[in-house]
Amino acid sequence: MPIQIYDNQVAKNIATELLRIQAIKLRPNDPYTWASGWKSPIYCDNRLSLSFPDVRTYVKKALADVIKDKFTGVEAIAGVATAGIPQGALVADLLGLPFIYVRSKSKSHGMGNQIEGLVTKGQKVVLLEDLVSTGGSSLMAADAVKAAEMEVLGMVAIFTYGFPIAEENFQKHQIDLWCLSDYHHLIEVASENNTINPDSLGTLKEWREDPGAWRG
């Protein structure tokens, strides 16, 4: 399995905190519209966690624990632009490792860099993401790191929606992704603490299975 949850209790704790600070909002009866045009009952902005020191510290330590446990030999952390940059810098600092970050595309001016920071060929890198949906942009960043002749050990992320297409994409690229939490644990927590109406559980599960066709 290329996409896995690191620890079930951590997954529930992260989901609880993200709901508490409203980094994740659930609105099944009045769905959001993503840039892709998809209708969605969920909006996730994990950058809000940076504004809450207790949550920020918990996330940072949890991400560092995953990296220490699952990616022995890591030599650098690469944040995926843009939301993965601050999280990656915090984790790299905690682990005492070099930090770089990867743009979505090369700059059109200056040095034309896509990767910012010291690029060392052969260096073993773990990429850090804020949020994974289909995995497309995350895997493009991984490809950029590989193109720079660095070794990608894998990726860690705070949250994933758990779409089947993401599983397929990470499988195709042969990259392991370890996540702190996911949509399954989020819905479980939201149901337990009455954040959502029990009548909404069906539609929330339907969206997860086929988000492109879901209309709420």
Protein backbone atom coordinates (compact mmCIF):
# COMPACT_ATOMS: atom_id res chain seq x y z
CA MET A 1 0.00 0.00 0.00
CA PRO A 2 1.69 3.23 -1.11
CA ILE A 3 -0.62 5.40 1.06
CA GLN A 4 -0.86 4.56 4.75
CA ILE A 5 -1.93 6.10 8.05
CA TYR A 6 0.88 6.15 10.59
CA ASP A 7 -1.13 5.70 13.80
CA ASN A 8 -4.89 5.46 14.36
CA GLN A 9 -4.90 7.45 17.61
CA VAL A 10 -2.75 10.19 16.07
CA ALA A 11 -5.14 10.21 13.11
CA LYS A 12 -8.11 10.80 15.39
CA ASN A 13 -6.25 13.45 17.41
CA ILE A 14 -5.27 15.36 14.25
CA ALA A 15 -8.82 15.18 12.90
CA THR A 16 -10.19 16.42 16.23
CA GLU A 17 -7.83 19.39 16.33
CA LEU A 18 -8.32 20.37 12.69
CA LEU A 19 -12.08 20.39 13.23
CA ARG A 20 -11.72 22.34 16.48
CA ILE A 21 -9.73 25.17 14.91
CA GLN A 22 -11.89 25.01 11.75
CA ALA A 23 -8.97 24.15 9.50
CA ILE A 24 -11.42 21.56 8.20
CA LYS A 25 -15.04 22.49 7.61
CA LEU A 26 -17.83 20.09 6.65
CA ARG A 27 -20.81 21.44 4.73
CA PRO A 28 -22.62 18.55 3.01
CA ASN A 29 -25.82 20.54 2.41
CA ASP A 30 -24.08 23.60 1.00
CA PRO A 31 -21.01 22.22 -0.81
CA TYR A 32 -17.88 24.13 -1.71
CA THR A 33 -16.58 24.35 -5.27
CA TRP A 34 -12.93 23.44 -5.81
CA ALA A 35 -10.73 25.01 -8.48
CA SER A 36 -11.14 21.79 -10.48
CA GLY A 37 -14.90 22.40 -10.59
CA TRP A 38 -15.63 19.50 -8.24
CA LYS A 39 -18.34 20.02 -5.67
CA SER A 40 -17.16 19.13 -2.20
CA PRO A 41 -18.73 18.82 1.26
CA ILE A 42 -15.34 19.49 2.84
CA TYR A 43 -12.90 22.40 2.86
CA CYS A 44 -9.43 21.82 4.27
CA ASP A 45 -6.89 24.55 5.03
CA ASN A 46 -4.23 23.07 7.29
CA ARG A 47 -2.27 26.33 7.16
CA LEU A 48 -4.56 27.50 9.96
CA SER A 49 -2.74 25.09 12.27
CA LEU A 50 0.29 27.39 12.07
CA SER A 51 -1.69 30.05 13.97
CA PHE A 52 -2.32 27.74 16.94
CA PRO A 53 0.96 26.98 18.78
CA ASP A 54 -0.36 23.85 20.52
CA VAL A 55 -1.67 22.34 17.27
CA ARG A 56 1.39 23.46 15.33
CA THR A 57 3.68 21.73 17.83
CA TYR A 58 1.64 18.53 17.85
CA VAL A 59 1.62 18.35 14.04
CA LYS A 60 5.34 19.10 13.84
CA LYS A 61 6.27 16.40 16.34
CA ALA A 62 3.94 13.84 14.74
CA LEU A 63 5.41 14.46 11.28
CA ALA A 64 8.93 14.18 12.69
CA ASP A 65 8.02 10.89 14.40
CA VAL A 66 6.83 9.42 11.10
CA ILE A 67 10.03 10.44 9.33
CA LYS A 68 12.29 9.07 12.07
CA ASP A 69 10.35 5.79 12.16
CA LYS A 70 9.73 5.15 8.46
CA PHE A 71 12.58 6.86 6.62
CA THR A 72 15.87 5.95 8.23
CA GLY A 73 18.82 7.55 6.51
CA VAL A 74 16.94 10.71 5.52
CA GLU A 75 19.36 13.54 4.80
CA ALA A 76 17.04 16.45 3.89
CA ILE A 77 13.41 17.56 4.05
CA ALA A 78 11.73 19.05 0.97
CA GLY A 79 8.57 21.13 1.45
CA VAL A 80 6.07 21.09 -1.40
CA ALA A 81 4.92 24.60 -2.32
CA THR A 82 3.16 26.34 -0.96
CA ALA A 83 1.51 24.94 2.17
CA GLY A 84 4.18 22.29 2.69
CA ILE A 85 6.93 24.91 2.99
CA PRO A 86 6.33 26.19 6.55
CA GLN A 87 5.47 22.71 7.84
CA GLY A 88 8.59 21.28 6.21
CA ALA A 89 10.82 24.00 7.64
CA LEU A 90 9.48 23.36 11.15
CA VAL A 91 10.08 19.62 10.85
CA ALA A 92 13.56 20.02 9.33
CA ASP A 93 14.49 22.31 12.21
CA LEU A 94 13.23 19.81 14.79
CA LEU A 95 15.18 16.99 13.13
CA GLY A 96 18.30 19.10 12.57
CA LEU A 97 18.22 18.44 8.81
CA PRO A 98 18.77 20.63 5.74
CA PHE A 99 15.62 22.07 4.18
CA ILE A 100 14.70 22.77 0.57
CA TYR A 101 11.41 23.51 -1.10
CA VAL A 102 9.92 22.65 -4.46
CA ARG A 103 7.91 25.09 -6.59
CA SER A 104 5.06 23.94 -8.80
CA LYS A 105 7.19 25.06 -11.76
CA SER A 106 10.51 26.74 -12.43
CA LYS A 107 10.74 30.50 -11.95
CA SER A 108 10.55 32.54 -15.12
CA HIS A 109 13.24 34.94 -13.91
CA GLY A 110 16.51 34.97 -12.00
CA MET A 111 18.13 31.54 -11.79
CA GLY A 112 14.97 29.82 -13.01
CA ASN A 113 14.99 27.46 -10.06
CA GLN A 114 12.22 25.00 -9.31
CA ILE A 115 13.98 23.78 -6.18
CA GLU A 116 15.12 26.42 -3.70
CA GLY A 117 17.92 25.71 -1.26
CA LEU A 118 21.10 23.69 -1.56
CA VAL A 119 20.63 20.82 -4.00
CA THR A 120 23.07 17.96 -3.33
CA LYS A 121 23.13 15.12 -5.83
CA GLY A 122 22.49 11.74 -4.26
CA GLN A 123 21.01 13.25 -1.10
CA LYS A 124 18.21 11.18 0.45
CA VAL A 125 15.08 13.33 0.65
CA VAL A 126 11.66 13.02 2.26
CA LEU A 127 9.02 15.34 0.80
CA LEU A 128 6.52 17.00 3.12
CA GLU A 129 3.00 17.86 2.02
CA ASP A 130 0.19 19.67 3.76
CA LEU A 131 -2.72 18.00 1.96
CA VAL A 132 -3.03 15.27 -0.68
CA SER A 133 -6.06 15.02 -2.93
CA THR A 134 -5.33 13.25 -6.24
CA GLY A 135 -1.57 13.37 -5.61
CA GLY A 136 -0.83 15.08 -8.92
CA SER A 137 1.01 18.17 -7.65
CA SER A 138 2.75 16.20 -4.91
CA LEU A 139 4.15 13.69 -7.37
CA MET A 140 5.25 16.45 -9.74
CA ALA A 141 7.35 17.80 -6.88
CA ALA A 142 8.80 14.33 -6.32
CA ASP A 143 9.66 14.12 -10.03
CA ALA A 144 11.46 17.48 -9.80
CA VAL A 145 13.56 16.21 -6.88
CA LYS A 146 14.43 13.07 -8.85
CA ALA A 147 15.32 15.17 -11.90
CA ALA A 148 17.80 17.05 -9.69
CA GLU A 149 19.48 13.66 -9.08
CA MET A 150 18.40 13.45 -5.46
CA GLU A 151 16.92 10.27 -4.00
CA VAL A 152 13.26 10.37 -2.94
CA LEU A 153 12.73 8.10 0.07
CA GLY A 154 9.04 8.91 0.27
CA MET A 155 6.54 11.53 1.38
CA VAL A 156 4.65 12.50 4.52
CA ALA A 157 1.48 14.60 4.73
CA ILE A 158 -0.84 15.96 7.37
CA PHE A 159 -4.07 14.90 5.69
CA THR A 160 -5.35 12.96 2.69
CA TYR A 161 -8.85 12.56 1.28
CA GLY A 162 -7.99 8.95 0.44
CA PHE A 163 -9.23 9.06 -3.14
CA PRO A 164 -8.66 5.83 -5.11
CA ILE A 165 -7.00 7.90 -7.86
CA ALA A 166 -4.36 9.07 -5.37
CA GLU A 167 -3.61 5.47 -4.41
CA GLU A 168 -3.19 4.63 -8.10
CA ASN A 169 -0.94 7.62 -8.74
CA PHE A 170 1.40 6.91 -5.84
CA GLN A 171 1.48 3.23 -6.82
CA LYS A 172 2.42 4.15 -10.38
CA HIS A 173 5.26 6.40 -9.17
CA GLN A 174 6.37 3.79 -6.60
CA ILE A 175 6.43 6.37 -3.81
CA ASP A 176 5.22 5.64 -0.29
CA LEU A 177 3.06 8.28 1.40
CA TRP A 178 2.53 8.25 5.16
CA CYS A 179 -0.26 10.49 6.46
CA LEU A 180 -1.16 11.72 9.92
CA SER A 181 -4.90 11.61 9.25
CA ASP A 182 -7.46 11.05 6.51
CA TYR A 183 -11.08 11.46 5.51
CA HIS A 184 -12.12 8.16 7.13
CA HIS A 185 -10.86 9.21 10.57
CA LEU A 186 -12.27 12.71 10.08
CA ILE A 187 -15.79 11.41 9.46
CA GLU A 188 -15.47 9.03 12.41
CA VAL A 189 -14.47 11.88 14.74
CA ALA A 190 -17.08 14.28 13.33
CA SER A 191 -19.77 11.66 13.90
CA GLU A 192 -18.62 10.94 17.47
CA ASN A 193 -18.57 14.59 18.53
CA ASN A 194 -21.81 15.48 16.68
CA THR A 195 -20.09 17.87 14.26
CA ILE A 196 -22.23 16.37 11.51
CA ASN A 197 -25.78 15.15 11.38
CA PRO A 198 -26.02 11.33 11.19
CA ASP A 199 -28.27 11.77 8.14
CA SER A 200 -25.30 13.30 6.28
CA LEU A 201 -23.02 10.29 6.66
CA GLY A 202 -24.28 8.65 3.49
CA THR A 203 -23.62 11.61 1.24
CA LEU A 204 -20.23 12.23 2.82
CA LYS A 205 -19.21 8.64 2.04
CA GLU A 206 -20.59 8.92 -1.51
CA TRP A 207 -18.43 11.97 -2.19
CA ARG A 208 -15.31 10.14 -1.07
CA GLU A 209 -15.96 7.30 -3.54
CA ASP A 210 -16.65 9.45 -6.62
CA PRO A 211 -15.93 13.16 -5.98
CA GLY A 212 -16.02 14.11 -9.66
CA ALA A 213 -19.61 12.97 -10.06
CA TRP A 214 -20.90 14.09 -6.65
CA ARG A 215 -23.21 17.11 -6.63
CA GLY A 216 -24.48 17.06 -3.05
